[in-house]
């Protein structure tokens, strides 16, 4: 089983682009606090597809807190003759969480079919 749940804050604004004629892809960074006394932070690259990608692009911005469910995807490619690899999270459920008091941020769940 390949499943991941993360809660964190966006480290970048959402980048939305078209992939082919009918597909939309949103990408953004997410910082996740490990918790605990001497807490460390992990950073993830997130991909979201189609209608959910459009909703994320419309409502999310750097600093916004979200929860997501998704799966890990491992990719490899060559860049200037060097082999590269990365693990990213492909989100199939994104929930917009409330921000600090008075920020006007609302909870907004959105779920889409897994890509």
PDB file of N, CA and C in Angstrom:
ATOM      1  N   UNK A   1       0.842  -1.178   0.000  1.00  0.00           N
ATOM      2  CA  UNK A   1       0.000   0.000   0.000  1.00  0.00           C
ATOM      3  C   UNK A   1       0.888   1.243   0.000  1.00  0.00           C
ATOM      4  N   UNK A   2       0.542   2.192  -0.823  1.00  0.00           N
ATOM      5  CA  UNK A   2       1.292   3.442  -0.952  1.00  0.00           C
ATOM      6  C   UNK A   2       0.351   4.576  -0.576  1.00  0.00           C
ATOM      7  N   UNK A   3       0.458   5.059   0.662  1.00  0.00           N
ATOM      8  CA  UNK A   3      -0.455   6.087   1.149  1.00  0.00           C
ATOM      9  C   UNK A   3       0.284   7.028   2.087  1.00  0.00           C
ATOM     10  N   UNK A   4      -0.026   8.322   1.980  1.00  0.00           N
ATOM     11  CA  UNK A   4       0.619   9.313   2.836  1.00  0.00           C
ATOM     12  C   UNK A   4      -0.411  10.360   3.246  1.00  0.00           C
ATOM     13  N   UNK A   5      -0.319  10.820   4.495  1.00  0.00           N
ATOM     14  CA  UNK A   5      -1.142  11.911   5.009  1.00  0.00           C
ATOM     15  C   UNK A   5      -0.186  12.950   5.583  1.00  0.00           C
ATOM     16  N   UNK A   6      -0.345  14.200   5.163  1.00  0.00           N
ATOM     17  CA  UNK A   6       0.527  15.281   5.625  1.00  0.00           C
ATOM     18  C   UNK A   6      -0.300  16.492   6.026  1.00  0.00           C
ATOM     19  N   UNK A   7       0.176  17.215   7.044  1.00  0.00           N
ATOM     20  CA  UNK A   7      -0.385  18.509   7.423  1.00  0.00           C
ATOM     21  C   UNK A   7       0.784  19.474   7.490  1.00  0.00           C
ATOM     22  N   UNK A   8       0.664  20.581   6.763  1.00  0.00           N
ATOM     23  CA  UNK A   8       1.757  21.543   6.753  1.00  0.00           C
ATOM     24  C   UNK A   8       1.372  22.834   6.073  1.00  0.00           C
ATOM     25  N   UNK A   9       2.383  23.670   5.835  1.00  0.00           N
ATOM     26  CA  UNK A   9       2.186  24.983   5.221  1.00  0.00           C
ATOM     27  C   UNK A   9       2.878  25.047   3.866  1.00  0.00           C
ATOM     28  N   UNK A  10       2.214  25.691   2.913  1.00  0.00           N
ATOM     29  CA  UNK A  10       2.800  25.861   1.586  1.00  0.00           C
ATOM     30  C   UNK A  10       4.060  26.713   1.678  1.00  0.00           C
ATOM     31  N   UNK A  11       5.109  26.272   1.004  1.00  0.00           N
ATOM     32  CA  UNK A  11       6.362  27.030   0.966  1.00  0.00           C
ATOM     33  C   UNK A  11       6.485  27.846  -0.310  1.00  0.00           C
ATOM     34  N   UNK A  12       5.582  27.610  -1.246  1.00  0.00           N
ATOM     35  CA  UNK A  12       5.574  28.346  -2.515  1.00  0.00           C
ATOM     36  C   UNK A  12       4.127  28.625  -2.903  1.00  0.00           C
ATOM     37  N   UNK A  13       3.945  29.549  -3.812  1.00  0.00           N
ATOM     38  CA  UNK A  13       2.633  29.706  -4.421  1.00  0.00           C
ATOM     39  C   UNK A  13       2.404  28.521  -5.355  1.00  0.00           C
ATOM     40  N   UNK A  14       1.156  28.274  -5.682  1.00  0.00           N
ATOM     41  CA  UNK A  14       0.792  27.158  -6.557  1.00  0.00           C
ATOM     42  C   UNK A  14       1.117  27.516  -8.005  1.00  0.00           C
ATOM     43  N   UNK A  15       1.808  26.607  -8.686  1.00  0.00           N
ATOM     44  CA  UNK A  15       2.089  26.754 -10.121  1.00  0.00           C
ATOM     45  C   UNK A  15       1.109  25.860 -10.869  1.00  0.00           C
ATOM     46  N   UNK A  16       0.241  26.462 -11.675  1.00  0.00           N
ATOM     47  CA  UNK A  16      -0.743  25.697 -12.441  1.00  0.00           C
ATOM     48  C   UNK A  16      -0.353  25.717 -13.905  1.00  0.00           C
ATOM     49  N   UNK A  17      -0.374  24.537 -14.540  1.00  0.00           N
ATOM     50  CA  UNK A  17      -0.084  24.479 -15.976  1.00  0.00           C
ATOM     51  C   UNK A  17      -0.939  23.420 -16.646  1.00  0.00           C
ATOM     52  N   UNK A  18      -1.075  23.572 -17.947  1.00  0.00           N
ATOM     53  CA  UNK A  18      -1.809  22.594 -18.740  1.00  0.00           C
ATOM     54  C   UNK A  18      -0.846  21.518 -19.208  1.00  0.00           C
ATOM     55  N   UNK A  19      -1.295  20.275 -19.118  1.00  0.00           N
ATOM     56  CA  UNK A  19      -0.516  19.135 -19.574  1.00  0.00           C
ATOM     57  C   UNK A  19      -1.398  18.399 -20.572  1.00  0.00           C
ATOM     58  N   UNK A  20      -1.148  18.613 -21.838  1.00  0.00           N
ATOM     59  CA  UNK A  20      -2.031  18.055 -22.850  1.00  0.00           C
ATOM     60  C   UNK A  20      -3.279  18.914 -22.984  1.00  0.00           C
ATOM     61  N   UNK A  21      -4.246  18.399 -23.708  1.00  0.00           N
ATOM     62  CA  UNK A  21      -5.446  19.182 -24.013  1.00  0.00           C
ATOM     63  C   UNK A  21      -6.408  19.303 -22.834  1.00  0.00           C
ATOM     64  N   UNK A  22      -6.553  18.244 -22.051  1.00  0.00           N
ATOM     65  CA  UNK A  22      -7.598  18.225 -21.026  1.00  0.00           C
ATOM     66  C   UNK A  22      -7.088  18.127 -19.596  1.00  0.00           C
ATOM     67  N   UNK A  23      -5.802  18.165 -19.377  1.00  0.00           N
ATOM     68  CA  UNK A  23      -5.251  17.943 -18.040  1.00  0.00           C
ATOM     69  C   UNK A  23      -4.669  19.232 -17.468  1.00  0.00           C
ATOM     70  N   UNK A  24      -4.834  19.403 -16.150  1.00  0.00           N
ATOM     71  CA  UNK A  24      -4.230  20.511 -15.421  1.00  0.00           C
ATOM     72  C   UNK A  24      -3.363  19.913 -14.321  1.00  0.00           C
ATOM     73  N   UNK A  25      -2.226  20.530 -14.082  1.00  0.00           N
ATOM     74  CA  UNK A  25      -1.308  20.076 -13.046  1.00  0.00           C
ATOM     75  C   UNK A  25      -0.917  21.266 -12.186  1.00  0.00           C
ATOM     76  N   UNK A  26      -1.111  21.127 -10.881  1.00  0.00           N
ATOM     77  CA  UNK A  26      -0.669  22.144  -9.926  1.00  0.00           C
ATOM     78  C   UNK A  26       0.479  21.559  -9.119  1.00  0.00           C
ATOM     79  N   UNK A  27       1.500  22.372  -8.901  1.00  0.00           N
ATOM     80  CA  UNK A  27       2.640  21.952  -8.085  1.00  0.00           C
ATOM     81  C   UNK A  27       2.927  23.029  -7.059  1.00  0.00           C
ATOM     82  N   UNK A  28       3.328  22.576  -5.865  1.00  0.00           N
ATOM     83  CA  UNK A  28       3.727  23.507  -4.813  1.00  0.00           C
ATOM     84  C   UNK A  28       4.564  22.766  -3.784  1.00  0.00           C
ATOM     85  N   UNK A  29       5.265  23.518  -2.955  1.00  0.00           N
ATOM     86  CA  UNK A  29       6.055  22.952  -1.879  1.00  0.00           C
ATOM     87  C   UNK A  29       5.267  22.958  -0.583  1.00  0.00           C
ATOM     88  N   UNK A  30       5.568  21.993   0.292  1.00  0.00           N
ATOM     89  CA  UNK A  30       4.888  21.889   1.577  1.00  0.00           C
ATOM     90  C   UNK A  30       5.914  21.619   2.671  1.00  0.00           C
ATOM     91  N   UNK A  31       5.865  22.415   3.745  1.00  0.00           N
ATOM     92  CA  UNK A  31       6.715  22.218   4.919  1.00  0.00           C
ATOM     93  C   UNK A  31       5.885  21.536   5.994  1.00  0.00           C
ATOM     94  N   UNK A  32       6.415  20.440   6.537  1.00  0.00           N
ATOM     95  CA  UNK A  32       5.703  19.667   7.550  1.00  0.00           C
ATOM     96  C   UNK A  32       6.576  19.579   8.798  1.00  0.00           C
ATOM     97  N   UNK A  33       6.053  20.092   9.899  1.00  0.00           N
ATOM     98  CA  UNK A  33       6.746  20.069  11.185  1.00  0.00           C
ATOM     99  C   UNK A  33       6.647  18.661  11.763  1.00  0.00           C
ATOM    100  N   UNK A  34       7.767  18.096  12.187  1.00  0.00           N
ATOM    101  CA  UNK A  34       7.758  16.742  12.750  1.00  0.00           C
ATOM    102  C   UNK A  34       7.148  16.698  14.146  1.00  0.00           C
ATOM    103  N   UNK A  35       7.062  17.840  14.812  1.00  0.00           N
ATOM    104  CA  UNK A  35       6.519  17.889  16.170  1.00  0.00           C
ATOM    105  C   UNK A  35       7.594  17.559  17.189  1.00  0.00           C
ATOM    106  N   UNK A  36       7.266  17.720  18.444  1.00  0.00           N
ATOM    107  CA  UNK A  36       8.220  17.433  19.499  1.00  0.00           C
ATOM    108  C   UNK A  36       8.969  18.671  19.952  1.00  0.00           C
ATOM    109  N   UNK A  37       9.787  18.493  20.988  1.00  0.00           N
ATOM    110  CA  UNK A  37      10.508  19.604  21.613  1.00  0.00           C
ATOM    111  C   UNK A  37      11.491  20.272  20.658  1.00  0.00           C
ATOM    112  N   UNK A  38      12.354  19.497  20.050  1.00  0.00           N
ATOM    113  CA  UNK A  38      13.355  20.031  19.117  1.00  0.00           C
ATOM    114  C   UNK A  38      12.910  19.723  17.692  1.00  0.00           C
ATOM    115  N   UNK A  39      11.768  20.223  17.359  1.00  0.00           N
ATOM    116  CA  UNK A  39      11.115  19.886  16.102  1.00  0.00           C
ATOM    117  C   UNK A  39      11.949  20.237  14.873  1.00  0.00           C
ATOM    118  N   UNK A  40      11.977  19.314  13.940  1.00  0.00           N
ATOM    119  CA  UNK A  40      12.586  19.554  12.639  1.00  0.00           C
ATOM    120  C   UNK A  40      11.470  19.652  11.615  1.00  0.00           C
ATOM    121  N   UNK A  41      11.797  20.172  10.455  1.00  0.00           N
ATOM    122  CA  UNK A  41      10.811  20.338   9.399  1.00  0.00           C
ATOM    123  C   UNK A  41      11.238  19.541   8.177  1.00  0.00           C
ATOM    124  N   UNK A  42      10.284  18.846   7.574  1.00  0.00           N
ATOM    125  CA  UNK A  42      10.513  18.136   6.321  1.00  0.00           C
ATOM    126  C   UNK A  42       9.841  18.914   5.200  1.00  0.00           C
ATOM    127  N   UNK A  43      10.432  18.876   4.013  1.00  0.00           N
ATOM    128  CA  UNK A  43       9.915  19.610   2.864  1.00  0.00           C
ATOM    129  C   UNK A  43       9.563  18.625   1.753  1.00  0.00           C
ATOM    130  N   UNK A  44       8.381  18.802   1.176  1.00  0.00           N
ATOM    131  CA  UNK A  44       7.882  17.908   0.142  1.00  0.00           C
ATOM    132  C   UNK A  44       7.437  18.698  -1.079  1.00  0.00           C
ATOM    133  N   UNK A  45       7.546  18.070  -2.230  1.00  0.00           N
ATOM    134  CA  UNK A  45       7.010  18.624  -3.473  1.00  0.00           C
ATOM    135  C   UNK A  45       5.673  17.929  -3.712  1.00  0.00           C
ATOM    136  N   UNK A  46       4.620  18.710  -3.933  1.00  0.00           N
ATOM    137  CA  UNK A  46       3.267  18.182  -4.068  1.00  0.00           C
ATOM    138  C   UNK A  46       2.767  18.408  -5.489  1.00  0.00           C
ATOM    139  N   UNK A  47       2.101  17.400  -6.060  1.00  0.00           N
ATOM    140  CA  UNK A  47       1.428  17.509  -7.360  1.00  0.00           C
ATOM    141  C   UNK A  47      -0.050  17.216  -7.163  1.00  0.00           C
ATOM    142  N   UNK A  48      -0.890  18.011  -7.816  1.00  0.00           N
ATOM    143  CA  UNK A  48      -2.339  17.836  -7.758  1.00  0.00           C
ATOM    144  C   UNK A  48      -2.858  17.957  -9.186  1.00  0.00           C
ATOM    145  N   UNK A  49      -3.831  17.119  -9.559  1.00  0.00           N
ATOM    146  CA  UNK A  49      -4.290  17.061 -10.945  1.00  0.00           C
ATOM    147  C   UNK A  49      -5.715  17.557 -11.144  1.00  0.00           C
ATOM    148  N   UNK A  50      -5.973  18.022 -12.348  1.00  0.00           N
ATOM    149  CA  UNK A  50      -7.286  18.321 -12.918  1.00  0.00           C
ATOM    150  C   UNK A  50      -8.082  19.334 -12.105  1.00  0.00           C
ATOM    151  N   UNK A  51      -9.358  19.057 -11.817  1.00  0.00           N
ATOM    152  CA  UNK A  51     -10.216  20.057 -11.159  1.00  0.00           C
ATOM    153  C   UNK A  51      -9.644  20.467  -9.810  1.00  0.00           C
ATOM    154  N   UNK A  52      -9.115  19.498  -9.074  1.00  0.00           N
ATOM    155  CA  UNK A  52      -8.529  19.815  -7.776  1.00  0.00           C
ATOM    156  C   UNK A  52      -7.332  20.748  -7.936  1.00  0.00           C
ATOM    157  N   UNK A  53      -6.572  20.588  -9.012  1.00  0.00           N
ATOM    158  CA  UNK A  53      -5.444  21.486  -9.288  1.00  0.00           C
ATOM    159  C   UNK A  53      -5.934  22.916  -9.473  1.00  0.00           C
ATOM    160  N   UNK A  54      -7.037  23.072 -10.190  1.00  0.00           N
ATOM    161  CA  UNK A  54      -7.602  24.406 -10.414  1.00  0.00           C
ATOM    162  C   UNK A  54      -8.070  25.043  -9.108  1.00  0.00           C
ATOM    163  N   UNK A  55      -8.714  24.248  -8.249  1.00  0.00           N
ATOM    164  CA  UNK A  55      -9.184  24.760  -6.960  1.00  0.00           C
ATOM    165  C   UNK A  55      -7.995  25.184  -6.098  1.00  0.00           C
ATOM    166  N   UNK A  56      -6.946  24.376  -6.077  1.00  0.00           N
ATOM    167  CA  UNK A  56      -5.749  24.733  -5.308  1.00  0.00           C
ATOM    168  C   UNK A  56      -5.139  26.033  -5.823  1.00  0.00           C
ATOM    169  N   UNK A  57      -5.063  26.180  -7.137  1.00  0.00           N
ATOM    170  CA  UNK A  57      -4.494  27.401  -7.721  1.00  0.00           C
ATOM    171  C   UNK A  57      -5.339  28.622  -7.377  1.00  0.00           C
ATOM    172  N   UNK A  58      -6.652  28.451  -7.304  1.00  0.00           N
ATOM    173  CA  UNK A  58      -7.549  29.570  -7.003  1.00  0.00           C
ATOM    174  C   UNK A  58      -7.508  29.999  -5.541  1.00  0.00           C
ATOM    175  N   UNK A  59      -7.312  29.051  -4.617  1.00  0.00           N
ATOM    176  CA  UNK A  59      -7.495  29.352  -3.201  1.00  0.00           C
ATOM    177  C   UNK A  59      -6.255  29.239  -2.325  1.00  0.00           C
ATOM    178  N   UNK A  60      -5.180  28.653  -2.813  1.00  0.00           N
ATOM    179  CA  UNK A  60      -3.996  28.476  -1.978  1.00  0.00           C
ATOM    180  C   UNK A  60      -2.903  29.466  -2.343  1.00  0.00           C
ATOM    181  N   UNK A  61      -2.107  29.820  -1.346  1.00  0.00           N
ATOM    182  CA  UNK A  61      -0.947  30.688  -1.550  1.00  0.00           C
ATOM    183  C   UNK A  61       0.110  30.312  -0.519  1.00  0.00           C
ATOM    184  N   UNK A  62       1.302  30.764  -0.747  1.00  0.00           N
ATOM    185  CA  UNK A  62       2.417  30.515   0.163  1.00  0.00           C
ATOM    186  C   UNK A  62       1.998  30.854   1.595  1.00  0.00           C
ATOM    187  N   UNK A  63       2.304  29.931   2.520  1.00  0.00           N
ATOM    188  CA  UNK A  63       1.989  30.128   3.927  1.00  0.00           C
ATOM    189  C   UNK A  63       0.693  29.476   4.373  1.00  0.00           C
ATOM    190  N   UNK A  64      -0.192  29.121   3.451  1.00  0.00           N
ATOM    191  CA  UNK A  64      -1.494  28.544   3.797  1.00  0.00           C
ATOM    192  C   UNK A  64      -1.320  27.147   4.370  1.00  0.00           C
ATOM    193  N   UNK A  65      -2.083  26.827   5.404  1.00  0.00           N
ATOM    194  CA  UNK A  65      -2.020  25.515   6.040  1.00  0.00           C
ATOM    195  C   UNK A  65      -3.029  24.579   5.388  1.00  0.00           C
ATOM    196  N   UNK A  66      -2.579  23.355   5.068  1.00  0.00           N
ATOM    197  CA  UNK A  66      -3.448  22.352   4.460  1.00  0.00           C
ATOM    198  C   UNK A  66      -3.184  20.980   5.067  1.00  0.00           C
ATOM    199  N   UNK A  67      -4.134  20.091   4.856  1.00  0.00           N
ATOM    200  CA  UNK A  67      -3.948  18.664   5.107  1.00  0.00           C
ATOM    201  C   UNK A  67      -4.154  17.982   3.766  1.00  0.00           C
ATOM    202  N   UNK A  68      -3.417  16.905   3.529  1.00  0.00           N
ATOM    203  CA  UNK A  68      -3.611  16.187   2.273  1.00  0.00           C
ATOM    204  C   UNK A  68      -3.428  14.698   2.457  1.00  0.00           C
ATOM    205  N   UNK A  69      -4.064  13.965   1.569  1.00  0.00           N
ATOM    206  CA  UNK A  69      -3.862  12.530   1.445  1.00  0.00           C
ATOM    207  C   UNK A  69      -3.402  12.277   0.026  1.00  0.00           C
ATOM    208  N   UNK A  70      -2.492  11.335  -0.130  1.00  0.00           N
ATOM    209  CA  UNK A  70      -2.011  11.034  -1.460  1.00  0.00           C
ATOM    210  C   UNK A  70      -1.135   9.803  -1.467  1.00  0.00           C
ATOM    211  N   UNK A  71      -0.308   9.740  -2.494  1.00  0.00           N
ATOM    212  CA  UNK A  71       0.617   8.616  -2.641  1.00  0.00           C
ATOM    213  C   UNK A  71       1.982   9.164  -3.039  1.00  0.00           C
ATOM    214  N   UNK A  72       3.013   8.386  -2.794  1.00  0.00           N
ATOM    215  CA  UNK A  72       4.367   8.768  -3.187  1.00  0.00           C
ATOM    216  C   UNK A  72       4.637   8.300  -4.606  1.00  0.00           C
ATOM    217  N   UNK A  73       5.345   9.134  -5.368  1.00  0.00           N
ATOM    218  CA  UNK A  73       5.742   8.754  -6.729  1.00  0.00           C
ATOM    219  C   UNK A  73       7.237   9.036  -6.868  1.00  0.00           C
ATOM    220  N   UNK A  74       7.959   8.028  -7.308  1.00  0.00           N
ATOM    221  CA  UNK A  74       9.399   8.129  -7.529  1.00  0.00           C
ATOM    222  C   UNK A  74       9.647   8.338  -9.015  1.00  0.00           C
ATOM    223  N   UNK A  75      10.413   9.359  -9.353  1.00  0.00           N
ATOM    224  CA  UNK A  75      10.716   9.667 -10.757  1.00  0.00           C
ATOM    225  C   UNK A  75      12.221   9.732 -10.963  1.00  0.00           C
ATOM    226  N   UNK A  76      12.658   9.323 -12.149  1.00  0.00           N
ATOM    227  CA  UNK A  76      14.064   9.465 -12.534  1.00  0.00           C
ATOM    228  C   UNK A  76      14.129  10.133 -13.897  1.00  0.00           C
ATOM    229  N   UNK A  77      15.209  10.892 -14.145  1.00  0.00           N
ATOM    230  CA  UNK A  77      15.421  11.553 -15.425  1.00  0.00           C
ATOM    231  C   UNK A  77      16.893  11.928 -15.536  1.00  0.00           C
ATOM    232  N   UNK A  78      17.287  12.350 -16.723  1.00  0.00           N
ATOM    233  CA  UNK A  78      18.648  12.829 -16.942  1.00  0.00           C
ATOM    234  C   UNK A  78      18.627  14.328 -17.152  1.00  0.00           C
ATOM    235  N   UNK A  79      19.574  15.009 -16.509  1.00  0.00           N
ATOM    236  CA  UNK A  79      19.704  16.454 -16.622  1.00  0.00           C
ATOM    237  C   UNK A  79      21.163  16.757 -16.941  1.00  0.00           C
ATOM    238  N   UNK A  80      21.400  17.209 -18.153  1.00  0.00           N
ATOM    239  CA  UNK A  80      22.765  17.511 -18.615  1.00  0.00           C
ATOM    240  C   UNK A  80      23.689  16.317 -18.405  1.00  0.00           C
ATOM    241  N   UNK A  81      23.185  15.126 -18.736  1.00  0.00           N
ATOM    242  CA  UNK A  81      23.984  13.911 -18.657  1.00  0.00           C
ATOM    243  C   UNK A  81      24.068  13.285 -17.273  1.00  0.00           C
ATOM    244  N   UNK A  82      23.487  13.916 -16.268  1.00  0.00           N
ATOM    245  CA  UNK A  82      23.514  13.371 -14.908  1.00  0.00           C
ATOM    246  C   UNK A  82      22.159  12.760 -14.577  1.00  0.00           C
ATOM    247  N   UNK A  83      22.214  11.571 -13.964  1.00  0.00           N
ATOM    248  CA  UNK A  83      20.972  10.929 -13.543  1.00  0.00           C
ATOM    249  C   UNK A  83      20.442  11.632 -12.298  1.00  0.00           C
ATOM    250  N   UNK A  84      19.167  11.958 -12.338  1.00  0.00           N
ATOM    251  CA  UNK A  84      18.500  12.623 -11.218  1.00  0.00           C
ATOM    252  C   UNK A  84      17.305  11.779 -10.791  1.00  0.00           C
ATOM    253  N   UNK A  85      16.900  11.955  -9.541  1.00  0.00           N
ATOM    254  CA  UNK A  85      15.704  11.277  -9.053  1.00  0.00           C
ATOM    255  C   UNK A  85      15.043  12.139  -7.984  1.00  0.00           C
ATOM    256  N   UNK A  86      13.768  11.899  -7.781  1.00  0.00           N
ATOM    257  CA  UNK A  86      13.022  12.638  -6.765  1.00  0.00           C
ATOM    258  C   UNK A  86      11.795  11.843  -6.357  1.00  0.00           C
ATOM    259  N   UNK A  87      11.374  12.080  -5.141  1.00  0.00           N
ATOM    260  CA  UNK A  87      10.117  11.532  -4.652  1.00  0.00           C
ATOM    261  C   UNK A  87       9.179  12.711  -4.449  1.00  0.00           C
ATOM    262  N   UNK A  88       7.968  12.604  -4.982  1.00  0.00           N
ATOM    263  CA  UNK A  88       6.972  13.651  -4.775  1.00  0.00           C
ATOM    264  C   UNK A  88       5.692  13.016  -4.270  1.00  0.00           C
ATOM    265  N   UNK A  89       4.828  13.842  -3.718  1.00  0.00           N
ATOM    266  CA  UNK A  89       3.527  13.384  -3.249  1.00  0.00           C
ATOM    267  C   UNK A  89       2.488  13.774  -4.290  1.00  0.00           C
ATOM    268  N   UNK A  90       1.739  12.793  -4.777  1.00  0.00           N
ATOM    269  CA  UNK A  90       0.617  13.057  -5.675  1.00  0.00           C
ATOM    270  C   UNK A  90      -0.632  13.060  -4.793  1.00  0.00           C
ATOM    271  N   UNK A  91      -1.202  14.237  -4.580  1.00  0.00           N
ATOM    272  CA  UNK A  91      -2.334  14.381  -3.666  1.00  0.00           C
ATOM    273  C   UNK A  91      -3.642  14.074  -4.374  1.00  0.00           C
ATOM    274  N   UNK A  92      -4.487  13.294  -3.724  1.00  0.00           N
ATOM    275  CA  UNK A  92      -5.827  13.050  -4.258  1.00  0.00           C
ATOM    276  C   UNK A  92      -6.904  13.638  -3.356  1.00  0.00           C
ATOM    277  N   UNK A  93      -6.519  14.142  -2.201  1.00  0.00           N
ATOM    278  CA  UNK A  93      -7.459  14.847  -1.322  1.00  0.00           C
ATOM    279  C   UNK A  93      -6.708  15.981  -0.638  1.00  0.00           C
ATOM    280  N   UNK A  94      -7.212  17.196  -0.770  1.00  0.00           N
ATOM    281  CA  UNK A  94      -6.602  18.367  -0.140  1.00  0.00           C
ATOM    282  C   UNK A  94      -7.670  19.065   0.688  1.00  0.00           C
ATOM    283  N   UNK A  95      -7.339  19.353   1.942  1.00  0.00           N
ATOM    284  CA  UNK A  95      -8.256  20.081   2.820  1.00  0.00           C
ATOM    285  C   UNK A  95      -7.587  21.372   3.253  1.00  0.00           C
ATOM    286  N   UNK A  96      -8.234  22.487   2.999  1.00  0.00           N
ATOM    287  CA  UNK A  96      -7.706  23.791   3.386  1.00  0.00           C
ATOM    288  C   UNK A  96      -8.031  23.998   4.863  1.00  0.00           C
ATOM    289  N   UNK A  97      -7.022  24.210   5.681  1.00  0.00           N
ATOM    290  CA  UNK A  97      -7.221  24.339   7.123  1.00  0.00           C
ATOM    291  C   UNK A  97      -7.273  25.806   7.532  1.00  0.00           C
ATOM    292  N   UNK A  98      -7.896  26.070   8.701  1.00  0.00           N
ATOM    293  CA  UNK A  98      -7.988  27.466   9.142  1.00  0.00           C
ATOM    294  C   UNK A  98      -6.610  28.034   9.448  1.00  0.00           C
ATOM    295  N   UNK A  99      -6.471  29.306   9.174  1.00  0.00           N
ATOM    296  CA  UNK A  99      -5.236  30.009   9.490  1.00  0.00           C
ATOM    297  C   UNK A  99      -5.335  30.606  10.878  1.00  0.00           C
ATOM    298  N   UNK A 100      -4.443  31.525  11.208  1.00  0.00           N
ATOM    299  CA  UNK A 100      -4.496  32.193  12.504  1.00  0.00           C
ATOM    300  C   UNK A 100      -5.829  32.922  12.678  1.00  0.00           C
ATOM    301  N   UNK A 101      -6.236  33.119  13.925  1.00  0.00           N
ATOM    302  CA  UNK A 101      -7.503  33.797  14.217  1.00  0.00           C
ATOM    303  C   UNK A 101      -7.578  35.127  13.482  1.00  0.00           C
ATOM    304  N   UNK A 102      -8.714  35.366  12.860  1.00  0.00           N
ATOM    305  CA  UNK A 102      -8.923  36.635  12.169  1.00  0.00           C
ATOM    306  C   UNK A 102      -8.345  36.694  10.775  1.00  0.00           C
ATOM    307  N   UNK A 103      -7.794  35.578  10.278  1.00  0.00           N
ATOM    308  CA  UNK A 103      -7.174  35.599   8.948  1.00  0.00           C
ATOM    309  C   UNK A 103      -8.199  35.453   7.833  1.00  0.00           C
ATOM    310  N   UNK A 104      -9.407  35.011   8.186  1.00  0.00           N
ATOM    311  CA  UNK A 104     -10.437  34.820   7.171  1.00  0.00           C
ATOM    312  C   UNK A 104     -10.318  33.491   6.442  1.00  0.00           C
ATOM    313  N   UNK A 105      -9.310  32.685   6.763  1.00  0.00           N
ATOM    314  CA  UNK A 105      -9.138  31.389   6.108  1.00  0.00           C
ATOM    315  C   UNK A 105     -10.186  30.417   6.633  1.00  0.00           C
ATOM    316  N   UNK A 106     -10.813  29.692   5.746  1.00  0.00           N
ATOM    317  CA  UNK A 106     -11.855  28.742   6.106  1.00  0.00           C
ATOM    318  C   UNK A 106     -11.400  27.326   5.795  1.00  0.00           C
ATOM    319  N   UNK A 107     -12.018  26.364   6.479  1.00  0.00           N
ATOM    320  CA  UNK A 107     -11.774  24.964   6.163  1.00  0.00           C
ATOM    321  C   UNK A 107     -12.551  24.641   4.896  1.00  0.00           C
ATOM    322  N   UNK A 108     -11.873  24.049   3.912  1.00  0.00           N
ATOM    323  CA  UNK A 108     -12.521  23.737   2.639  1.00  0.00           C
ATOM    324  C   UNK A 108     -11.993  22.413   2.115  1.00  0.00           C
ATOM    325  N   UNK A 109     -12.694  21.289   2.389  1.00  0.00           N
ATOM    326  CA  UNK A 109     -12.215  20.011   1.872  1.00  0.00           C
ATOM    327  C   UNK A 109     -12.524  19.875   0.388  1.00  0.00           C
ATOM    328  N   UNK A 110     -11.646  19.214  -0.321  1.00  0.00           N
ATOM    329  CA  UNK A 110     -11.891  18.942  -1.735  1.00  0.00           C
ATOM    330  C   UNK A 110     -11.232  17.627  -2.063  1.00  0.00           C
ATOM    331  N   UNK A 111     -11.995  16.718  -2.640  1.00  0.00           N
ATOM    332  CA  UNK A 111     -11.475  15.397  -2.968  1.00  0.00           C
ATOM    333  C   UNK A 111     -11.717  15.127  -4.439  1.00  0.00           C
ATOM    334  N   UNK A 112     -10.747  14.527  -5.070  1.00  0.00           N
ATOM    335  CA  UNK A 112     -10.872  14.204  -6.490  1.00  0.00           C
ATOM    336  C   UNK A 112     -10.412  12.775  -6.707  1.00  0.00           C
ATOM    337  N   UNK A 113     -10.785  12.233  -7.830  1.00  0.00           N
ATOM    338  CA  UNK A 113     -10.338  10.889  -8.187  1.00  0.00           C
ATOM    339  C   UNK A 113      -8.826  10.872  -8.297  1.00  0.00           C
ATOM    340  N   UNK A 114      -8.209   9.798  -7.840  1.00  0.00           N
ATOM    341  CA  UNK A 114      -6.753   9.673  -7.897  1.00  0.00           C
ATOM    342  C   UNK A 114      -6.290   9.651  -9.340  1.00  0.00           C
ATOM    343  N   UNK A 115      -5.185  10.355  -9.595  1.00  0.00           N
ATOM    344  CA  UNK A 115      -4.634  10.410 -10.959  1.00  0.00           C
ATOM    345  C   UNK A 115      -3.774   9.206 -11.225  1.00  0.00           C
TER     346      UNK A 115
END
